[in-house]
Amino acid sequence: MTKIRITQVKSKIDRPETQKKTLEALGLRKMNQVVEHTATPQIMGMVKKVNHLIKVENI
């Protein structure tokens, strides 16, 4: 499976609680934090929910 690198580029302040929890589930707790995940359907669904707050790169 391919790996993806996710970077949080926008703040989670004033966002719905579900989006905040999705960012935390992805491992993103601070601005400009970077995490790497395997591109499973579950991870890609979470990425789709908060794609306006993050930047995604294929590795």
C-alpha atoms as a PDB file:
ATOM      1  CA  MET A   1       0.000   0.000   0.000  1.00  0.00           C
ATOM      2  CA  THR A   2       1.149   3.524  -0.624  1.00  0.00           C
ATOM      3  CA  LYS A   3       2.146   5.861   2.167  1.00  0.00           C
ATOM      4  CA  ILE A   4       0.962   9.445   2.516  1.00  0.00           C
ATOM      5  CA  ARG A   5       2.396  12.399   4.422  1.00  0.00           C
ATOM      6  CA  ILE A   6      -0.229  14.658   6.031  1.00  0.00           C
ATOM      7  CA  THR A   7       0.532  18.207   7.223  1.00  0.00           C
ATOM      8  CA  GLN A   8      -1.929  20.396   9.117  1.00  0.00           C
ATOM      9  CA  VAL A   9      -1.898  23.819   7.439  1.00  0.00           C
ATOM     10  CA  LYS A  10      -4.989  25.484   8.967  1.00  0.00           C
ATOM     11  CA  SER A  11      -6.143  25.814  12.546  1.00  0.00           C
ATOM     12  CA  LYS A  12      -8.890  23.684  14.039  1.00  0.00           C
ATOM     13  CA  ILE A  13     -10.221  26.646  16.043  1.00  0.00           C
ATOM     14  CA  ASP A  14     -13.896  27.406  15.243  1.00  0.00           C
ATOM     15  CA  ARG A  15     -14.330  24.062  13.468  1.00  0.00           C
ATOM     16  CA  PRO A  16     -17.043  21.506  14.283  1.00  0.00           C
ATOM     17  CA  GLU A  17     -16.182  18.987  16.999  1.00  0.00           C
ATOM     18  CA  THR A  18     -16.197  16.093  14.506  1.00  0.00           C
ATOM     19  CA  GLN A  19     -13.446  17.753  12.445  1.00  0.00           C
ATOM     20  CA  LYS A  20     -11.365  18.390  15.570  1.00  0.00           C
ATOM     21  CA  LYS A  21     -11.671  14.741  16.583  1.00  0.00           C
ATOM     22  CA  THR A  22     -10.794  13.602  13.051  1.00  0.00           C
ATOM     23  CA  LEU A  23      -7.578  15.655  13.114  1.00  0.00           C
ATOM     24  CA  GLU A  24      -6.657  14.149  16.484  1.00  0.00           C
ATOM     25  CA  ALA A  25      -7.433  10.642  15.189  1.00  0.00           C
ATOM     26  CA  LEU A  26      -4.995  11.294  12.348  1.00  0.00           C
ATOM     27  CA  GLY A  27      -2.372  12.274  14.938  1.00  0.00           C
ATOM     28  CA  LEU A  28      -2.429  16.009  14.192  1.00  0.00           C
ATOM     29  CA  ARG A  29      -2.473  18.166  17.298  1.00  0.00           C
ATOM     30  CA  LYS A  30      -0.519  21.283  16.273  1.00  0.00           C
ATOM     31  CA  MET A  31      -0.185  23.527  13.243  1.00  0.00           C
ATOM     32  CA  ASN A  32       2.462  22.413  10.717  1.00  0.00           C
ATOM     33  CA  GLN A  33       2.730  18.998  12.355  1.00  0.00           C
ATOM     34  CA  VAL A  34       3.516  16.184   9.920  1.00  0.00           C
ATOM     35  CA  VAL A  35       2.418  12.544  10.211  1.00  0.00           C
ATOM     36  CA  GLU A  36       2.773   9.585   7.872  1.00  0.00           C
ATOM     37  CA  HIS A  37       0.098   6.939   7.353  1.00  0.00           C
ATOM     38  CA  THR A  38      -0.591   4.059   5.023  1.00  0.00           C
ATOM     39  CA  ALA A  39      -3.282   5.009   2.516  1.00  0.00           C
ATOM     40  CA  THR A  40      -6.032   2.674   3.746  1.00  0.00           C
ATOM     41  CA  PRO A  41      -9.697   3.380   2.949  1.00  0.00           C
ATOM     42  CA  GLN A  42     -10.266   4.428   6.580  1.00  0.00           C
ATOM     43  CA  ILE A  43      -7.424   6.966   6.542  1.00  0.00           C
ATOM     44  CA  MET A  44      -8.462   8.308   3.128  1.00  0.00           C
ATOM     45  CA  GLY A  45     -12.017   8.825   4.429  1.00  0.00           C
ATOM     46  CA  MET A  46     -10.676  10.877   7.342  1.00  0.00           C
ATOM     47  CA  VAL A  47      -8.471  12.862   4.956  1.00  0.00           C
ATOM     48  CA  LYS A  48     -11.488  13.625   2.777  1.00  0.00           C
ATOM     49  CA  LYS A  49     -13.424  14.968   5.799  1.00  0.00           C
ATOM     50  CA  VAL A  50     -10.736  17.530   6.711  1.00  0.00           C
ATOM     51  CA  ASN A  51      -9.046  18.130   3.338  1.00  0.00           C
ATOM     52  CA  HIS A  52      -9.569  21.906   3.712  1.00  0.00           C
ATOM     53  CA  LEU A  53      -7.350  21.902   6.848  1.00  0.00           C
ATOM     54  CA  ILE A  54      -4.506  19.655   5.672  1.00  0.00           C
ATOM     55  CA  LYS A  55      -2.016  19.105   2.860  1.00  0.00           C
ATOM     56  CA  VAL A  56      -1.486  15.548   1.595  1.00  0.00           C
ATOM     57  CA  GLU A  57       1.560  14.226  -0.296  1.00  0.00           C
ATOM     58  CA  ASN A  58       2.248  10.754  -1.646  1.00  0.00           C
ATOM     59  CA  ILE A  59       5.566   9.253  -0.585  1.00  0.00           C
END
